[in-house]
Amino acid sequence: MSTSPSDDQLVAAIAEITGTRVTDRLRLRAALTHASARKGDAADYQRLEFLGDRVLGLAVAEMIFADYPQAPEGELSLRLNALVNAETLAEIADEAGMPDLIRTSGEVRARSSRNQVNLRSDVMEAVIAVLYLEGGMAAARAFIQRYWGPRSKLATAARRDAKTALQEWAHQAHGATPTYAVDNRSGPDHDPVFTVSVAVGRLAPAVAEGRSKREAEQAAAAALLKREKAWKG
């Protein structure tokens, strides 16, 4: 939307996307507001994002636990990680048409594509929290099943994450365990950037950035594997 949508428009749009008509309009507005667009003592999505992350994790864990009764814990963990990472959440936000509903400053919208992925991912988690607070796990599960269910059936959902792949490769190729270090943390509290390096034996470290320590570690692990031509995803 070219202008900030009204509360009525937000309620209608989210109802169409999620199947739940939200009654707490202030909460819904907060879920779709980045800190850069917050006015006065109005809330933004950060607290809701915290709750939504846990609700999503539980719902997806339940889903894959039921769908893959023979899968070992390791495979379940890989599927979970692939389904709840920032890229997947941002893709679903785009698919659902959620980005046009987000309130943020022009400065934030002009940031890198990586930051935009994180923004859409955070808002998705905040909206899930709103669904949970509005209608309990039933409302949250219905939405999550609609968008995450088909993805959970894909073979790519079980691909190895970079840290796991690096650890396996490091043990086999070098008899060593990867070591990670946080080299720097910058940016405001609501939008931090972590710089992490990872080393294996005597190999030169690989360095990468991410919005969380875990994300930066994954990126650094992938960078080292790609450099050594050992990353297959």
C-alpha atoms as a PDB file:
ATOM      1  CA  MET A   1       0.000   0.000   0.000  1.00  0.00           C
ATOM      2  CA  SER A   2       1.318   3.420  -0.921  1.00  0.00           C
ATOM      3  CA  THR A   3      -0.011   5.026   2.277  1.00  0.00           C
ATOM      4  CA  SER A   4      -0.197   3.636   5.775  1.00  0.00           C
ATOM      5  CA  PRO A   5      -3.260   1.368   5.925  1.00  0.00           C
ATOM      6  CA  SER A   6      -6.020   2.095   8.408  1.00  0.00           C
ATOM      7  CA  ASP A   7      -6.766  -0.273  11.269  1.00  0.00           C
ATOM      8  CA  ASP A   8      -9.836  -1.531   9.388  1.00  0.00           C
ATOM      9  CA  GLN A   9      -7.696  -2.284   6.348  1.00  0.00           C
ATOM     10  CA  LEU A  10      -5.130  -4.092   8.493  1.00  0.00           C
ATOM     11  CA  VAL A  11      -7.776  -6.238  10.171  1.00  0.00           C
ATOM     12  CA  ALA A  12      -9.319  -7.154   6.815  1.00  0.00           C
ATOM     13  CA  ALA A  13      -5.961  -7.903   5.178  1.00  0.00           C
ATOM     14  CA  ILE A  14      -4.694 -10.061   8.048  1.00  0.00           C
ATOM     15  CA  ALA A  15      -8.024 -11.896   8.215  1.00  0.00           C
ATOM     16  CA  GLU A  16      -7.663 -12.775   4.533  1.00  0.00           C
ATOM     17  CA  ILE A  17      -4.058 -13.879   4.976  1.00  0.00           C
ATOM     18  CA  THR A  18      -4.442 -15.837   8.211  1.00  0.00           C
ATOM     19  CA  GLY A  19      -8.095 -16.800   8.474  1.00  0.00           C
ATOM     20  CA  THR A  20      -8.387 -15.010  11.844  1.00  0.00           C
ATOM     21  CA  ARG A  21     -10.124 -11.687  12.364  1.00  0.00           C
ATOM     22  CA  VAL A  22      -8.111  -9.903  15.019  1.00  0.00           C
ATOM     23  CA  THR A  23     -10.062  -7.869  17.570  1.00  0.00           C
ATOM     24  CA  ASP A  24      -7.129  -6.228  19.352  1.00  0.00           C
ATOM     25  CA  ARG A  25      -6.249  -3.554  16.815  1.00  0.00           C
ATOM     26  CA  LEU A  26      -3.480  -1.947  18.848  1.00  0.00           C
ATOM     27  CA  ARG A  27      -1.721  -5.307  19.112  1.00  0.00           C
ATOM     28  CA  LEU A  28      -2.078  -5.944  15.398  1.00  0.00           C
ATOM     29  CA  ARG A  29      -0.757  -2.491  14.589  1.00  0.00           C
ATOM     30  CA  ALA A  30       2.239  -3.124  16.843  1.00  0.00           C
ATOM     31  CA  ALA A  31       2.961  -6.447  15.123  1.00  0.00           C
ATOM     32  CA  LEU A  32       3.253  -4.639  11.799  1.00  0.00           C
ATOM     33  CA  THR A  33       5.317  -1.695  13.067  1.00  0.00           C
ATOM     34  CA  HIS A  34       9.110  -1.510  12.998  1.00  0.00           C
ATOM     35  CA  ALA A  35      10.817   0.452  15.771  1.00  0.00           C
ATOM     36  CA  SER A  36      11.820   3.130  13.247  1.00  0.00           C
ATOM     37  CA  ALA A  37       8.140   3.964  12.622  1.00  0.00           C
ATOM     38  CA  ARG A  38       6.991   3.847  16.238  1.00  0.00           C
ATOM     39  CA  LYS A  39       5.435   7.071  17.495  1.00  0.00           C
ATOM     40  CA  GLY A  40       5.365   8.218  21.109  1.00  0.00           C
ATOM     41  CA  ASP A  41       4.692   5.380  23.512  1.00  0.00           C
ATOM     42  CA  ALA A  42       3.163   3.142  20.829  1.00  0.00           C
ATOM     43  CA  ALA A  43       4.528  -0.397  20.665  1.00  0.00           C
ATOM     44  CA  ASP A  44       6.462  -2.093  17.889  1.00  0.00           C
ATOM     45  CA  TYR A  45       6.791  -5.779  17.007  1.00  0.00           C
ATOM     46  CA  GLN A  46       9.777  -6.756  19.160  1.00  0.00           C
ATOM     47  CA  ARG A  47       7.959  -8.275  22.150  1.00  0.00           C
ATOM     48  CA  LEU A  48       5.467 -10.036  19.897  1.00  0.00           C
ATOM     49  CA  GLU A  49       8.298 -11.378  17.747  1.00  0.00           C
ATOM     50  CA  PHE A  50       9.771 -13.032  20.856  1.00  0.00           C
ATOM     51  CA  LEU A  51       6.526 -14.884  21.558  1.00  0.00           C
ATOM     52  CA  GLY A  52       5.780 -15.700  17.928  1.00  0.00           C
ATOM     53  CA  ASP A  53       9.173 -17.322  17.481  1.00  0.00           C
ATOM     54  CA  ARG A  54       8.354 -19.822  20.256  1.00  0.00           C
ATOM     55  CA  VAL A  55       4.825 -20.479  18.987  1.00  0.00           C
ATOM     56  CA  LEU A  56       6.098 -21.113  15.455  1.00  0.00           C
ATOM     57  CA  GLY A  57       8.854 -23.416  16.705  1.00  0.00           C
ATOM     58  CA  LEU A  58       6.412 -25.513  18.715  1.00  0.00           C
ATOM     59  CA  ALA A  59       3.827 -25.727  15.920  1.00  0.00           C
ATOM     60  CA  VAL A  60       6.387 -26.723  13.294  1.00  0.00           C
ATOM     61  CA  ALA A  61       8.049 -29.214  15.655  1.00  0.00           C
ATOM     62  CA  GLU A  62       4.666 -30.835  16.288  1.00  0.00           C
ATOM     63  CA  MET A  63       3.965 -30.915  12.553  1.00  0.00           C
ATOM     64  CA  ILE A  64       7.170 -32.644  11.492  1.00  0.00           C
ATOM     65  CA  PHE A  65       7.132 -34.943  14.535  1.00  0.00           C
ATOM     66  CA  ALA A  66       3.735 -36.237  13.363  1.00  0.00           C
ATOM     67  CA  ASP A  67       4.556 -36.285   9.638  1.00  0.00           C
ATOM     68  CA  TYR A  68       7.882 -38.132   9.946  1.00  0.00           C
ATOM     69  CA  PRO A  69       7.357 -40.835  12.608  1.00  0.00           C
ATOM     70  CA  GLN A  70      10.506 -42.725  11.561  1.00  0.00           C
ATOM     71  CA  ALA A  71      12.824 -39.718  11.345  1.00  0.00           C
ATOM     72  CA  PRO A  72      15.661 -39.558  13.897  1.00  0.00           C
ATOM     73  CA  GLU A  73      16.206 -36.500  16.064  1.00  0.00           C
ATOM     74  CA  GLY A  74      18.951 -35.180  13.786  1.00  0.00           C
ATOM     75  CA  GLU A  75      16.721 -35.145  10.718  1.00  0.00           C
ATOM     76  CA  LEU A  76      13.880 -33.528  12.661  1.00  0.00           C
ATOM     77  CA  SER A  77      16.235 -30.798  13.839  1.00  0.00           C
ATOM     78  CA  LEU A  78      17.407 -30.092  10.292  1.00  0.00           C
ATOM     79  CA  ARG A  79      13.841 -29.920   9.029  1.00  0.00           C
ATOM     80  CA  LEU A  80      12.878 -27.599  11.870  1.00  0.00           C
ATOM     81  CA  ASN A  81      15.827 -25.282  11.256  1.00  0.00           C
ATOM     82  CA  ALA A  82      15.057 -25.084   7.531  1.00  0.00           C
ATOM     83  CA  LEU A  83      11.396 -24.280   8.160  1.00  0.00           C
ATOM     84  CA  VAL A  84      11.830 -21.575  10.791  1.00  0.00           C
ATOM     85  CA  ASN A  85      14.854 -19.693   9.452  1.00  0.00           C
ATOM     86  CA  ALA A  86      14.605 -16.069   8.354  1.00  0.00           C
ATOM     87  CA  GLU A  87      14.656 -16.850   4.643  1.00  0.00           C
ATOM     88  CA  THR A  88      11.662 -19.186   4.878  1.00  0.00           C
ATOM     89  CA  LEU A  89       9.675 -16.736   6.983  1.00  0.00           C
ATOM     90  CA  ALA A  90      10.441 -13.880   4.576  1.00  0.00           C
ATOM     91  CA  GLU A  91       9.394 -16.011   1.599  1.00  0.00           C
ATOM     92  CA  ILE A  92       6.097 -16.837   3.283  1.00  0.00           C
ATOM     93  CA  ALA A  93       5.538 -13.186   4.172  1.00  0.00           C
ATOM     94  CA  ASP A  94       6.014 -12.298   0.500  1.00  0.00           C
ATOM     95  CA  GLU A  95       3.761 -15.131  -0.644  1.00  0.00           C
ATOM     96  CA  ALA A  96       1.033 -13.998   1.749  1.00  0.00           C
ATOM     97  CA  GLY A  97       1.279 -10.352   0.684  1.00  0.00           C
ATOM     98  CA  MET A  98       2.366  -9.099   4.097  1.00  0.00           C
ATOM     99  CA  PRO A  99       5.212  -6.672   3.233  1.00  0.00           C
ATOM    100  CA  ASP A 100       2.853  -3.911   2.033  1.00  0.00           C
ATOM    101  CA  LEU A 101       1.242  -3.869   5.473  1.00  0.00           C
ATOM    102  CA  ILE A 102       4.470  -3.179   7.375  1.00  0.00           C
ATOM    103  CA  ARG A 103       5.058   0.297   8.792  1.00  0.00           C
ATOM    104  CA  THR A 104       8.684   1.367   8.741  1.00  0.00           C
ATOM    105  CA  SER A 105      10.827   4.381   7.934  1.00  0.00           C
ATOM    106  CA  GLY A 106      12.157   5.053   4.464  1.00  0.00           C
ATOM    107  CA  GLU A 107      15.681   4.653   5.804  1.00  0.00           C
ATOM    108  CA  VAL A 108      14.982   1.094   6.901  1.00  0.00           C
ATOM    109  CA  ARG A 109      13.310   0.247   3.597  1.00  0.00           C
ATOM    110  CA  ALA A 110      16.441   1.413   1.803  1.00  0.00           C
ATOM    111  CA  ARG A 111      18.710  -0.980   3.672  1.00  0.00           C
ATOM    112  CA  SER A 112      20.282  -4.130   2.260  1.00  0.00           C
ATOM    113  CA  SER A 113      18.275  -7.109   1.081  1.00  0.00           C
ATOM    114  CA  ARG A 114      19.575  -9.066   4.089  1.00  0.00           C
ATOM    115  CA  ASN A 115      17.989  -6.541   6.439  1.00  0.00           C
ATOM    116  CA  GLN A 116      14.753  -6.699   4.483  1.00  0.00           C
ATOM    117  CA  VAL A 117      14.671 -10.480   4.917  1.00  0.00           C
ATOM    118  CA  ASN A 118      15.063 -10.041   8.668  1.00  0.00           C
ATOM    119  CA  LEU A 119      12.371  -7.359   8.773  1.00  0.00           C
ATOM    120  CA  ARG A 120       9.793  -9.551   7.019  1.00  0.00           C
ATOM    121  CA  SER A 121      10.793 -12.548   9.119  1.00  0.00           C
ATOM    122  CA  ASP A 122      10.373 -10.616  12.374  1.00  0.00           C
ATOM    123  CA  VAL A 123       6.965  -9.294  11.363  1.00  0.00           C
ATOM    124  CA  MET A 124       5.824 -12.792  10.431  1.00  0.00           C
ATOM    125  CA  GLU A 125       6.718 -14.018  13.921  1.00  0.00           C
ATOM    126  CA  ALA A 126       4.940 -11.040  15.477  1.00  0.00           C
ATOM    127  CA  VAL A 127       1.777 -11.768  13.510  1.00  0.00           C
ATOM    128  CA  ILE A 128       1.901 -15.397  14.637  1.00  0.00           C
ATOM    129  CA  ALA A 129       2.025 -14.127  18.226  1.00  0.00           C
ATOM    130  CA  VAL A 130      -1.064 -12.007  17.563  1.00  0.00           C
ATOM    131  CA  LEU A 131      -2.905 -15.068  16.236  1.00  0.00           C
ATOM    132  CA  TYR A 132      -1.880 -17.042  19.314  1.00  0.00           C
ATOM    133  CA  LEU A 133      -3.032 -14.315  21.706  1.00  0.00           C
ATOM    134  CA  GLU A 134      -6.264 -13.887  19.766  1.00  0.00           C
ATOM    135  CA  GLY A 135      -7.290 -17.518  19.298  1.00  0.00           C
ATOM    136  CA  GLY A 136      -4.753 -19.715  21.060  1.00  0.00           C
ATOM    137  CA  MET A 137      -2.669 -22.453  19.456  1.00  0.00           C
ATOM    138  CA  ALA A 138      -5.619 -23.480  17.265  1.00  0.00           C
ATOM    139  CA  ALA A 139      -5.553 -20.169  15.385  1.00  0.00           C
ATOM    140  CA  ALA A 140      -1.760 -20.164  15.132  1.00  0.00           C
ATOM    141  CA  ARG A 141      -1.611 -23.801  13.997  1.00  0.00           C
ATOM    142  CA  ALA A 142      -4.231 -23.277  11.286  1.00  0.00           C
ATOM    143  CA  PHE A 143      -2.192 -20.465   9.749  1.00  0.00           C
ATOM    144  CA  ILE A 144       1.121 -22.284  10.131  1.00  0.00           C
ATOM    145  CA  GLN A 145      -0.263 -25.488   8.637  1.00  0.00           C
ATOM    146  CA  ARG A 146      -1.561 -23.539   5.644  1.00  0.00           C
ATOM    147  CA  TYR A 147       1.793 -22.018   4.733  1.00  0.00           C
ATOM    148  CA  TRP A 148       4.399 -24.248   6.359  1.00  0.00           C
ATOM    149  CA  GLY A 149       2.653 -27.574   5.766  1.00  0.00           C
ATOM    150  CA  PRO A 150       3.478 -27.847   2.046  1.00  0.00           C
ATOM    151  CA  ARG A 151       7.063 -26.777   2.639  1.00  0.00           C
ATOM    152  CA  SER A 152       7.533 -29.399   5.349  1.00  0.00           C
ATOM    153  CA  LYS A 153       6.992 -32.100   2.704  1.00  0.00           C
ATOM    154  CA  LEU A 154       9.841 -30.903   0.507  1.00  0.00           C
ATOM    155  CA  ALA A 155      13.062 -32.884   0.486  1.00  0.00           C
ATOM    156  CA  THR A 156      15.033 -29.628   0.740  1.00  0.00           C
ATOM    157  CA  ALA A 157      13.553 -29.098   4.200  1.00  0.00           C
ATOM    158  CA  ALA A 158      15.861 -31.839   5.436  1.00  0.00           C
ATOM    159  CA  ARG A 159      19.090 -30.481   3.972  1.00  0.00           C
ATOM    160  CA  ARG A 160      21.984 -30.087   6.329  1.00  0.00           C
ATOM    161  CA  ASP A 161      22.577 -26.724   7.894  1.00  0.00           C
ATOM    162  CA  ALA A 162      26.010 -25.201   7.378  1.00  0.00           C
ATOM    163  CA  LYS A 163      27.273 -25.604  10.953  1.00  0.00           C
ATOM    164  CA  THR A 164      26.441 -29.304  10.983  1.00  0.00           C
ATOM    165  CA  ALA A 165      28.015 -29.809   7.573  1.00  0.00           C
ATOM    166  CA  LEU A 166      31.159 -27.924   8.621  1.00  0.00           C
ATOM    167  CA  GLN A 167      31.538 -29.967  11.772  1.00  0.00           C
ATOM    168  CA  GLU A 168      31.244 -33.240   9.849  1.00  0.00           C
ATOM    169  CA  TRP A 169      33.665 -32.077   7.163  1.00  0.00           C
ATOM    170  CA  ALA A 170      36.158 -30.673   9.695  1.00  0.00           C
ATOM    171  CA  HIS A 171      36.269 -33.962  11.599  1.00  0.00           C
ATOM    172  CA  GLN A 172      36.690 -36.027   8.443  1.00  0.00           C
ATOM    173  CA  ALA A 173      39.147 -33.790   6.599  1.00  0.00           C
ATOM    174  CA  HIS A 174      41.150 -32.281   9.454  1.00  0.00           C
ATOM    175  CA  GLY A 175      40.344 -34.187  12.620  1.00  0.00           C
ATOM    176  CA  ALA A 176      39.380 -30.871  14.170  1.00  0.00           C
ATOM    177  CA  THR A 177      36.330 -29.139  15.622  1.00  0.00           C
ATOM    178  CA  PRO A 178      35.303 -25.723  14.265  1.00  0.00           C
ATOM    179  CA  THR A 179      35.740 -22.843  16.680  1.00  0.00           C
ATOM    180  CA  TYR A 180      33.552 -19.722  16.481  1.00  0.00           C
ATOM    181  CA  ALA A 181      34.263 -16.240  17.793  1.00  0.00           C
ATOM    182  CA  VAL A 182      32.129 -13.092  17.879  1.00  0.00           C
ATOM    183  CA  ASP A 183      34.455 -10.448  16.455  1.00  0.00           C
ATOM    184  CA  ASN A 184      32.070  -7.510  16.620  1.00  0.00           C
ATOM    185  CA  ARG A 185      28.533  -6.412  17.448  1.00  0.00           C
ATOM    186  CA  SER A 186      27.205  -3.201  15.959  1.00  0.00           C
ATOM    187  CA  GLY A 187      23.926  -1.435  15.261  1.00  0.00           C
ATOM    188  CA  PRO A 188      21.054  -0.520  17.580  1.00  0.00           C
ATOM    189  CA  ASP A 189      19.538  -3.007  20.006  1.00  0.00           C
ATOM    190  CA  HIS A 190      16.476  -3.508  17.811  1.00  0.00           C
ATOM    191  CA  ASP A 191      18.559  -4.232  14.690  1.00  0.00           C
ATOM    192  CA  PRO A 192      21.986  -5.593  15.713  1.00  0.00           C
ATOM    193  CA  VAL A 193      24.639  -6.954  13.368  1.00  0.00           C
ATOM    194  CA  PHE A 194      27.013  -9.669  14.604  1.00  0.00           C
ATOM    195  CA  THR A 195      30.352 -10.369  12.946  1.00  0.00           C
ATOM    196  CA  VAL A 196      31.511 -13.938  13.552  1.00  0.00           C
ATOM    197  CA  SER A 197      34.607 -15.839  12.449  1.00  0.00           C
ATOM    198  CA  VAL A 198      35.048 -19.585  12.308  1.00  0.00           C
ATOM    199  CA  ALA A 199      38.333 -21.472  12.167  1.00  0.00           C
ATOM    200  CA  VAL A 200      39.209 -25.092  11.488  1.00  0.00           C
ATOM    201  CA  GLY A 201      42.712 -26.218  12.344  1.00  0.00           C
ATOM    202  CA  ARG A 202      45.288 -24.162  10.481  1.00  0.00           C
ATOM    203  CA  LEU A 203      42.898 -22.977   7.788  1.00  0.00           C
ATOM    204  CA  ALA A 204      42.385 -19.235   7.487  1.00  0.00           C
ATOM    205  CA  PRO A 205      39.191 -18.240   9.303  1.00  0.00           C
ATOM    206  CA  ALA A 206      36.031 -17.320   7.425  1.00  0.00           C
ATOM    207  CA  VAL A 207      34.096 -14.257   8.510  1.00  0.00           C
ATOM    208  CA  ALA A 208      30.423 -13.389   8.038  1.00  0.00           C
ATOM    209  CA  GLU A 209      27.696 -11.157   9.436  1.00  0.00           C
ATOM    210  CA  GLY A 210      24.199 -11.864  10.662  1.00  0.00           C
ATOM    211  CA  ARG A 211      21.413 -10.315  12.693  1.00  0.00           C
ATOM    212  CA  SER A 212      21.869 -12.910  15.413  1.00  0.00           C
ATOM    213  CA  LYS A 213      24.891 -14.818  16.621  1.00  0.00           C
ATOM    214  CA  ARG A 214      23.442 -18.064  15.271  1.00  0.00           C
ATOM    215  CA  GLU A 215      22.727 -16.565  11.868  1.00  0.00           C
ATOM    216  CA  ALA A 216      26.256 -15.168  11.630  1.00  0.00           C
ATOM    217  CA  GLU A 217      27.742 -18.530  12.649  1.00  0.00           C
ATOM    218  CA  GLN A 218      25.725 -20.296   9.954  1.00  0.00           C
ATOM    219  CA  ALA A 219      26.862 -17.768   7.349  1.00  0.00           C
ATOM    220  CA  ALA A 220      30.507 -18.076   8.410  1.00  0.00           C
ATOM    221  CA  ALA A 221      30.328 -21.879   8.297  1.00  0.00           C
ATOM    222  CA  ALA A 222      28.833 -21.764   4.797  1.00  0.00           C
ATOM    223  CA  ALA A 223      31.507 -19.308   3.676  1.00  0.00           C
ATOM    224  CA  LEU A 224      34.328 -21.552   4.900  1.00  0.00           C
ATOM    225  CA  LEU A 225      32.781 -24.631   3.278  1.00  0.00           C
ATOM    226  CA  LYS A 226      32.276 -22.826  -0.034  1.00  0.00           C
ATOM    227  CA  ARG A 227      35.841 -21.585   0.055  1.00  0.00           C
ATOM    228  CA  GLU A 228      37.057 -25.127   0.567  1.00  0.00           C
ATOM    229  CA  LYS A 229      34.580 -26.404  -2.072  1.00  0.00           C
ATOM    230  CA  ALA A 230      32.928 -28.665   0.513  1.00  0.00           C
ATOM    231  CA  TRP A 231      29.445 -27.122   0.728  1.00  0.00           C
ATOM    232  CA  LYS A 232      26.586 -28.994  -0.950  1.00  0.00           C
ATOM    233  CA  GLY A 233      23.732 -27.512   1.105  1.00  0.00           C
END
